[in-house]
Amino acid sequence: MIKVNLPELSEGVSKATITYWYFQPGEKVNEKDDLVELATDKATFNLPSPAAGTLSEVFFHEGDTVNVGDLLATIEE
């Protein structure tokens, strides 16, 4: 199982808001597919999938605020 965590962001930014999930649990993803769109006070960006597999679980939903290091989702290889 691959864990997808919110990585370090730019200096002084410690949280982001989930604006859109490109895949739902149970769907297949490829490595480097855009997995989730996130927004900070300074920018909006996409977080790519770290591995190919099936998105097994999503721990936060659109509109939720997440902190650096939070577990966003898991992928079964």
PDB file of N, CA and C in Angstrom:
ATOM      1  N   MET A   1       0.845  -1.180   0.000  1.00  0.00           N
ATOM      2  CA  MET A   1       0.000   0.000   0.000  1.00  0.00           C
ATOM      3  C   MET A   1       0.888   1.239   0.000  1.00  0.00           C
ATOM      4  N   ILE A   2       0.564   2.175  -0.885  1.00  0.00           N
ATOM      5  CA  ILE A   2       1.295   3.441  -0.995  1.00  0.00           C
ATOM      6  C   ILE A   2       0.481   4.520  -0.290  1.00  0.00           C
ATOM      7  N   LYS A   3       1.138   5.269   0.574  1.00  0.00           N
ATOM      8  CA  LYS A   3       0.487   6.377   1.259  1.00  0.00           C
ATOM      9  C   LYS A   3       0.751   7.666   0.496  1.00  0.00           C
ATOM     10  N   VAL A   4      -0.296   8.464   0.329  1.00  0.00           N
ATOM     11  CA  VAL A   4      -0.177   9.761  -0.339  1.00  0.00           C
ATOM     12  C   VAL A   4      -0.346  10.842   0.728  1.00  0.00           C
ATOM     13  N   ASN A   5       0.763  11.510   1.031  1.00  0.00           N
ATOM     14  CA  ASN A   5       0.751  12.559   2.045  1.00  0.00           C
ATOM     15  C   ASN A   5       0.916  13.919   1.386  1.00  0.00           C
ATOM     16  N   LEU A   6       0.424  14.953   2.066  1.00  0.00           N
ATOM     17  CA  LEU A   6       0.644  16.312   1.569  1.00  0.00           C
ATOM     18  C   LEU A   6       2.113  16.650   1.790  1.00  0.00           C
ATOM     19  N   PRO A   7       2.845  16.936   0.701  1.00  0.00           N
ATOM     20  CA  PRO A   7       4.282  17.221   0.843  1.00  0.00           C
ATOM     21  C   PRO A   7       4.528  18.621   1.389  1.00  0.00           C
ATOM     22  N   GLU A   8       5.806  18.890   1.665  1.00  0.00           N
ATOM     23  CA  GLU A   8       6.209  20.239   2.059  1.00  0.00           C
ATOM     24  C   GLU A   8       5.794  21.214   0.960  1.00  0.00           C
ATOM     25  N   LEU A   9       5.302  22.355   1.359  1.00  0.00           N
ATOM     26  CA  LEU A   9       4.883  23.380   0.411  1.00  0.00           C
ATOM     27  C   LEU A   9       5.905  24.504   0.442  1.00  0.00           C
ATOM     28  N   SER A  10       5.598  25.601  -0.185  1.00  0.00           N
ATOM     29  CA  SER A  10       6.550  26.714  -0.185  1.00  0.00           C
ATOM     30  C   SER A  10       6.755  27.237   1.241  1.00  0.00           C
ATOM     31  N   GLU A  11       7.834  27.943   1.428  1.00  0.00           N
ATOM     32  CA  GLU A  11       8.188  28.442   2.748  1.00  0.00           C
ATOM     33  C   GLU A  11       7.058  29.275   3.346  1.00  0.00           C
ATOM     34  N   GLY A  12       6.722  28.981   4.590  1.00  0.00           N
ATOM     35  CA  GLY A  12       5.682  29.714   5.287  1.00  0.00           C
ATOM     36  C   GLY A  12       4.275  29.204   5.025  1.00  0.00           C
ATOM     37  N   VAL A  13       4.134  28.180   4.160  1.00  0.00           N
ATOM     38  CA  VAL A  13       2.815  27.618   3.862  1.00  0.00           C
ATOM     39  C   VAL A  13       2.747  26.225   4.478  1.00  0.00           C
ATOM     40  N   SER A  14       1.788  26.042   5.388  1.00  0.00           N
ATOM     41  CA  SER A  14       1.713  24.762   6.105  1.00  0.00           C
ATOM     42  C   SER A  14       0.414  24.013   5.868  1.00  0.00           C
ATOM     43  N   LYS A  15      -0.501  24.608   5.092  1.00  0.00           N
ATOM     44  CA  LYS A  15      -1.776  23.931   4.845  1.00  0.00           C
ATOM     45  C   LYS A  15      -2.300  24.277   3.459  1.00  0.00           C
ATOM     46  N   ALA A  16      -3.228  23.442   2.991  1.00  0.00           N
ATOM     47  CA  ALA A  16      -3.852  23.639   1.681  1.00  0.00           C
ATOM     48  C   ALA A  16      -5.289  23.152   1.774  1.00  0.00           C
ATOM     49  N   THR A  17      -6.095  23.562   0.811  1.00  0.00           N
ATOM     50  CA  THR A  17      -7.485  23.123   0.733  1.00  0.00           C
ATOM     51  C   THR A  17      -7.645  22.216  -0.482  1.00  0.00           C
ATOM     52  N   ILE A  18      -8.299  21.082  -0.269  1.00  0.00           N
ATOM     53  CA  ILE A  18      -8.575  20.172  -1.381  1.00  0.00           C
ATOM     54  C   ILE A  18      -9.698  20.783  -2.201  1.00  0.00           C
ATOM     55  N   THR A  19      -9.430  20.998  -3.505  1.00  0.00           N
ATOM     56  CA  THR A  19     -10.449  21.591  -4.356  1.00  0.00           C
ATOM     57  C   THR A  19     -11.080  20.580  -5.310  1.00  0.00           C
ATOM     58  N   TYR A  20     -10.337  19.496  -5.663  1.00  0.00           N
ATOM     59  CA  TYR A  20     -10.907  18.530  -6.600  1.00  0.00           C
ATOM     60  C   TYR A  20     -10.123  17.224  -6.582  1.00  0.00           C
ATOM     61  N   TRP A  21     -10.837  16.104  -6.487  1.00  0.00           N
ATOM     62  CA  TRP A  21     -10.233  14.780  -6.661  1.00  0.00           C
ATOM     63  C   TRP A  21     -10.477  14.337  -8.095  1.00  0.00           C
ATOM     64  N   TYR A  22      -9.421  13.960  -8.799  1.00  0.00           N
ATOM     65  CA  TYR A  22      -9.538  13.505 -10.187  1.00  0.00           C
ATOM     66  C   TYR A  22     -10.011  12.051 -10.276  1.00  0.00           C
ATOM     67  N   PHE A  23      -9.823  11.289  -9.205  1.00  0.00           N
ATOM     68  CA  PHE A  23     -10.231   9.885  -9.168  1.00  0.00           C
ATOM     69  C   PHE A  23     -11.007   9.629  -7.887  1.00  0.00           C
ATOM     70  N   GLN A  24     -11.841   8.592  -7.923  1.00  0.00           N
ATOM     71  CA  GLN A  24     -12.613   8.173  -6.760  1.00  0.00           C
ATOM     72  C   GLN A  24     -12.095   6.817  -6.296  1.00  0.00           C
ATOM     73  N   PRO A  25     -12.301   6.462  -5.018  1.00  0.00           N
ATOM     74  CA  PRO A  25     -11.866   5.149  -4.546  1.00  0.00           C
ATOM     75  C   PRO A  25     -12.400   4.030  -5.444  1.00  0.00           C
ATOM     76  N   GLY A  26     -11.519   3.079  -5.738  1.00  0.00           N
ATOM     77  CA  GLY A  26     -11.868   1.960  -6.607  1.00  0.00           C
ATOM     78  C   GLY A  26     -11.412   2.158  -8.044  1.00  0.00           C
ATOM     79  N   GLU A  27     -11.044   3.383  -8.405  1.00  0.00           N
ATOM     80  CA  GLU A  27     -10.602   3.652  -9.769  1.00  0.00           C
ATOM     81  C   GLU A  27      -9.096   3.425  -9.898  1.00  0.00           C
ATOM     82  N   LYS A  28      -8.688   3.007 -11.088  1.00  0.00           N
ATOM     83  CA  LYS A  28      -7.269   2.789 -11.402  1.00  0.00           C
ATOM     84  C   LYS A  28      -6.591   4.127 -11.667  1.00  0.00           C
ATOM     85  N   VAL A  29      -5.359   4.261 -11.176  1.00  0.00           N
ATOM     86  CA  VAL A  29      -4.548   5.447 -11.440  1.00  0.00           C
ATOM     87  C   VAL A  29      -3.186   5.003 -11.972  1.00  0.00           C
ATOM     88  N   ASN A  30      -2.581   5.843 -12.771  1.00  0.00           N
ATOM     89  CA  ASN A  30      -1.228   5.604 -13.256  1.00  0.00           C
ATOM     90  C   ASN A  30      -0.271   6.516 -12.506  1.00  0.00           C
ATOM     91  N   GLU A  31       0.982   6.088 -12.402  1.00  0.00           N
ATOM     92  CA  GLU A  31       1.985   6.929 -11.777  1.00  0.00           C
ATOM     93  C   GLU A  31       2.044   8.262 -12.525  1.00  0.00           C
ATOM     94  N   LYS A  32       2.089   9.338 -11.787  1.00  0.00           N
ATOM     95  CA  LYS A  32       2.172  10.715 -12.285  1.00  0.00           C
ATOM     96  C   LYS A  32       0.858  11.268 -12.830  1.00  0.00           C
ATOM     97  N   ASP A  33      -0.244  10.498 -12.785  1.00  0.00           N
ATOM     98  CA  ASP A  33      -1.565  11.070 -13.090  1.00  0.00           C
ATOM     99  C   ASP A  33      -1.873  12.135 -12.046  1.00  0.00           C
ATOM    100  N   ASP A  34      -2.536  13.222 -12.462  1.00  0.00           N
ATOM    101  CA  ASP A  34      -3.008  14.186 -11.471  1.00  0.00           C
ATOM    102  C   ASP A  34      -4.009  13.480 -10.585  1.00  0.00           C
ATOM    103  N   LEU A  35      -3.741  13.488  -9.282  1.00  0.00           N
ATOM    104  CA  LEU A  35      -4.589  12.775  -8.330  1.00  0.00           C
ATOM    105  C   LEU A  35      -5.564  13.722  -7.638  1.00  0.00           C
ATOM    106  N   VAL A  36      -5.037  14.852  -7.178  1.00  0.00           N
ATOM    107  CA  VAL A  36      -5.859  15.793  -6.422  1.00  0.00           C
ATOM    108  C   VAL A  36      -5.370  17.213  -6.696  1.00  0.00           C
ATOM    109  N   GLU A  37      -6.316  18.150  -6.753  1.00  0.00           N
ATOM    110  CA  GLU A  37      -5.995  19.568  -6.901  1.00  0.00           C
ATOM    111  C   GLU A  37      -6.094  20.219  -5.530  1.00  0.00           C
ATOM    112  N   LEU A  38      -5.081  21.014  -5.200  1.00  0.00           N
ATOM    113  CA  LEU A  38      -5.023  21.682  -3.906  1.00  0.00           C
ATOM    114  C   LEU A  38      -4.812  23.180  -4.110  1.00  0.00           C
ATOM    115  N   ALA A  39      -5.303  23.965  -3.175  1.00  0.00           N
ATOM    116  CA  ALA A  39      -5.131  25.416  -3.249  1.00  0.00           C
ATOM    117  C   ALA A  39      -4.575  25.931  -1.925  1.00  0.00           C
ATOM    118  N   THR A  40      -3.632  26.862  -2.032  1.00  0.00           N
ATOM    119  CA  THR A  40      -3.122  27.578  -0.861  1.00  0.00           C
ATOM    120  C   THR A  40      -3.475  29.045  -1.049  1.00  0.00           C
ATOM    121  N   ASP A  41      -3.050  29.874  -0.121  1.00  0.00           N
ATOM    122  CA  ASP A  41      -3.277  31.316  -0.260  1.00  0.00           C
ATOM    123  C   ASP A  41      -2.549  31.873  -1.476  1.00  0.00           C
ATOM    124  N   LYS A  42      -1.477  31.179  -1.898  1.00  0.00           N
ATOM    125  CA  LYS A  42      -0.623  31.702  -2.961  1.00  0.00           C
ATOM    126  C   LYS A  42      -0.804  31.038  -4.315  1.00  0.00           C
ATOM    127  N   ALA A  43      -1.260  29.779  -4.355  1.00  0.00           N
ATOM    128  CA  ALA A  43      -1.298  29.060  -5.631  1.00  0.00           C
ATOM    129  C   ALA A  43      -2.252  27.871  -5.585  1.00  0.00           C
ATOM    130  N   THR A  44      -2.617  27.419  -6.778  1.00  0.00           N
ATOM    131  CA  THR A  44      -3.367  26.178  -6.941  1.00  0.00           C
ATOM    132  C   THR A  44      -2.459  25.225  -7.699  1.00  0.00           C
ATOM    133  N   PHE A  45      -2.410  23.967  -7.254  1.00  0.00           N
ATOM    134  CA  PHE A  45      -1.517  23.007  -7.885  1.00  0.00           C
ATOM    135  C   PHE A  45      -2.112  21.609  -7.829  1.00  0.00           C
ATOM    136  N   ASN A  46      -1.608  20.730  -8.694  1.00  0.00           N
ATOM    137  CA  ASN A  46      -2.021  19.333  -8.718  1.00  0.00           C
ATOM    138  C   ASN A  46      -0.951  18.477  -8.063  1.00  0.00           C
ATOM    139  N   LEU A  47      -1.396  17.501  -7.280  1.00  0.00           N
ATOM    140  CA  LEU A  47      -0.489  16.531  -6.680  1.00  0.00           C
ATOM    141  C   LEU A  47      -0.590  15.252  -7.496  1.00  0.00           C
ATOM    142  N   PRO A  48       0.520  14.788  -8.095  1.00  0.00           N
ATOM    143  CA  PRO A  48       0.468  13.583  -8.920  1.00  0.00           C
ATOM    144  C   PRO A  48       0.481  12.311  -8.080  1.00  0.00           C
ATOM    145  N   SER A  49      -0.022  11.246  -8.667  1.00  0.00           N
ATOM    146  CA  SER A  49       0.006   9.943  -8.017  1.00  0.00           C
ATOM    147  C   SER A  49       1.451   9.456  -7.932  1.00  0.00           C
ATOM    148  N   PRO A  50       1.884   8.977  -6.766  1.00  0.00           N
ATOM    149  CA  PRO A  50       3.259   8.499  -6.624  1.00  0.00           C
ATOM    150  C   PRO A  50       3.472   7.094  -7.194  1.00  0.00           C
ATOM    151  N   ALA A  51       2.377   6.402  -7.545  1.00  0.00           N
ATOM    152  CA  ALA A  51       2.490   5.021  -8.041  1.00  0.00           C
ATOM    153  C   ALA A  51       1.251   4.658  -8.844  1.00  0.00           C
ATOM    154  N   ALA A  52       1.377   3.591  -9.636  1.00  0.00           N
ATOM    155  CA  ALA A  52       0.225   3.058 -10.365  1.00  0.00           C
ATOM    156  C   ALA A  52      -0.495   2.055  -9.474  1.00  0.00           C
ATOM    157  N   GLY A  53      -1.807   1.985  -9.604  1.00  0.00           N
ATOM    158  CA  GLY A  53      -2.591   1.041  -8.815  1.00  0.00           C
ATOM    159  C   GLY A  53      -4.032   1.479  -8.736  1.00  0.00           C
ATOM    160  N   THR A  54      -4.688   1.066  -7.675  1.00  0.00           N
ATOM    161  CA  THR A  54      -6.088   1.406  -7.436  1.00  0.00           C
ATOM    162  C   THR A  54      -6.179   2.335  -6.244  1.00  0.00           C
ATOM    163  N   LEU A  55      -6.848   3.460  -6.423  1.00  0.00           N
ATOM    164  CA  LEU A  55      -7.073   4.376  -5.304  1.00  0.00           C
ATOM    165  C   LEU A  55      -7.981   3.657  -4.324  1.00  0.00           C
ATOM    166  N   SER A  56      -7.456   3.319  -3.154  1.00  0.00           N
ATOM    167  CA  SER A  56      -8.236   2.499  -2.241  1.00  0.00           C
ATOM    168  C   SER A  56      -9.038   3.305  -1.229  1.00  0.00           C
ATOM    169  N   GLU A  57      -8.471   4.420  -0.750  1.00  0.00           N
ATOM    170  CA  GLU A  57      -9.192   5.194   0.248  1.00  0.00           C
ATOM    171  C   GLU A  57      -8.776   6.651   0.176  1.00  0.00           C
ATOM    172  N   VAL A  58      -9.742   7.539   0.387  1.00  0.00           N
ATOM    173  CA  VAL A  58      -9.517   8.976   0.430  1.00  0.00           C
ATOM    174  C   VAL A  58      -9.913   9.431   1.831  1.00  0.00           C
ATOM    175  N   PHE A  59      -9.024  10.147   2.514  1.00  0.00           N
ATOM    176  CA  PHE A  59      -9.264  10.509   3.910  1.00  0.00           C
ATOM    177  C   PHE A  59      -9.808  11.920   4.100  1.00  0.00           C
ATOM    178  N   PHE A  60      -9.737  12.749   3.058  1.00  0.00           N
ATOM    179  CA  PHE A  60     -10.280  14.102   3.118  1.00  0.00           C
ATOM    180  C   PHE A  60     -11.106  14.346   1.860  1.00  0.00           C
ATOM    181  N   HIS A  61     -12.028  15.277   1.949  1.00  0.00           N
ATOM    182  CA  HIS A  61     -12.937  15.547   0.841  1.00  0.00           C
ATOM    183  C   HIS A  61     -12.745  16.963   0.314  1.00  0.00           C
ATOM    184  N   GLU A  62     -13.324  17.225  -0.844  1.00  0.00           N
ATOM    185  CA  GLU A  62     -13.247  18.559  -1.433  1.00  0.00           C
ATOM    186  C   GLU A  62     -13.766  19.594  -0.435  1.00  0.00           C
ATOM    187  N   GLY A  63     -13.002  20.652  -0.271  1.00  0.00           N
ATOM    188  CA  GLY A  63     -13.355  21.701   0.689  1.00  0.00           C
ATOM    189  C   GLY A  63     -12.647  21.556   2.024  1.00  0.00           C
ATOM    190  N   ASP A  64     -12.067  20.380   2.292  1.00  0.00           N
ATOM    191  CA  ASP A  64     -11.351  20.165   3.550  1.00  0.00           C
ATOM    192  C   ASP A  64      -9.984  20.835   3.502  1.00  0.00           C
ATOM    193  N   THR A  65      -9.539  21.339   4.646  1.00  0.00           N
ATOM    194  CA  THR A  65      -8.201  21.900   4.779  1.00  0.00           C
ATOM    195  C   THR A  65      -7.296  20.830   5.372  1.00  0.00           C
ATOM    196  N   VAL A  66      -6.119  20.661   4.757  1.00  0.00           N
ATOM    197  CA  VAL A  66      -5.164  19.643   5.204  1.00  0.00           C
ATOM    198  C   VAL A  66      -3.829  20.298   5.522  1.00  0.00           C
ATOM    199  N   ASN A  67      -3.083  19.682   6.415  1.00  0.00           N
ATOM    200  CA  ASN A  67      -1.780  20.190   6.824  1.00  0.00           C
ATOM    201  C   ASN A  67      -0.663  19.367   6.179  1.00  0.00           C
ATOM    202  N   VAL A  68       0.497  19.974   6.035  1.00  0.00           N
ATOM    203  CA  VAL A  68       1.666  19.270   5.517  1.00  0.00           C
ATOM    204  C   VAL A  68       1.856  17.985   6.331  1.00  0.00           C
ATOM    205  N   GLY A  69       2.036  16.875   5.623  1.00  0.00           N
ATOM    206  CA  GLY A  69       2.241  15.589   6.280  1.00  0.00           C
ATOM    207  C   GLY A  69       0.978  14.775   6.465  1.00  0.00           C
ATOM    208  N   ASP A  70      -0.205  15.395   6.327  1.00  0.00           N
ATOM    209  CA  ASP A  70      -1.458  14.654   6.492  1.00  0.00           C
ATOM    210  C   ASP A  70      -1.574  13.561   5.433  1.00  0.00           C
ATOM    211  N   LEU A  71      -2.130  12.421   5.830  1.00  0.00           N
ATOM    212  CA  LEU A  71      -2.397  11.317   4.903  1.00  0.00           C
ATOM    213  C   LEU A  71      -3.657  11.648   4.110  1.00  0.00           C
ATOM    214  N   LEU A  72      -3.497  11.841   2.793  1.00  0.00           N
ATOM    215  CA  LEU A  72      -4.623  12.212   1.937  1.00  0.00           C
ATOM    216  C   LEU A  72      -5.359  10.991   1.396  1.00  0.00           C
ATOM    217  N   ALA A  73      -4.582   9.962   1.013  1.00  0.00           N
ATOM    218  CA  ALA A  73      -5.187   8.792   0.363  1.00  0.00           C
ATOM    219  C   ALA A  73      -4.206   7.624   0.411  1.00  0.00           C
ATOM    220  N   THR A  74      -4.721   6.445   0.055  1.00  0.00           N
ATOM    221  CA  THR A  74      -3.860   5.271  -0.102  1.00  0.00           C
ATOM    222  C   THR A  74      -4.125   4.656  -1.469  1.00  0.00           C
ATOM    223  N   ILE A  75      -3.067   4.041  -2.032  1.00  0.00           N
ATOM    224  CA  ILE A  75      -3.147   3.389  -3.336  1.00  0.00           C
ATOM    225  C   ILE A  75      -2.650   1.954  -3.176  1.00  0.00           C
ATOM    226  N   GLU A  76      -3.450   0.994  -3.649  1.00  0.00           N
ATOM    227  CA  GLU A  76      -3.020  -0.404  -3.672  1.00  0.00           C
ATOM    228  C   GLU A  76      -2.312  -0.648  -4.986  1.00  0.00           C
ATOM    229  N   GLU A  77      -1.068  -1.146  -4.914  1.00  0.00           N
ATOM    230  CA  GLU A  77      -0.311  -1.409  -6.135  1.00  0.00           C
ATOM    231  C   GLU A  77      -0.799  -2.659  -6.831  1.00  0.00           C
TER     232      GLU A  77
END
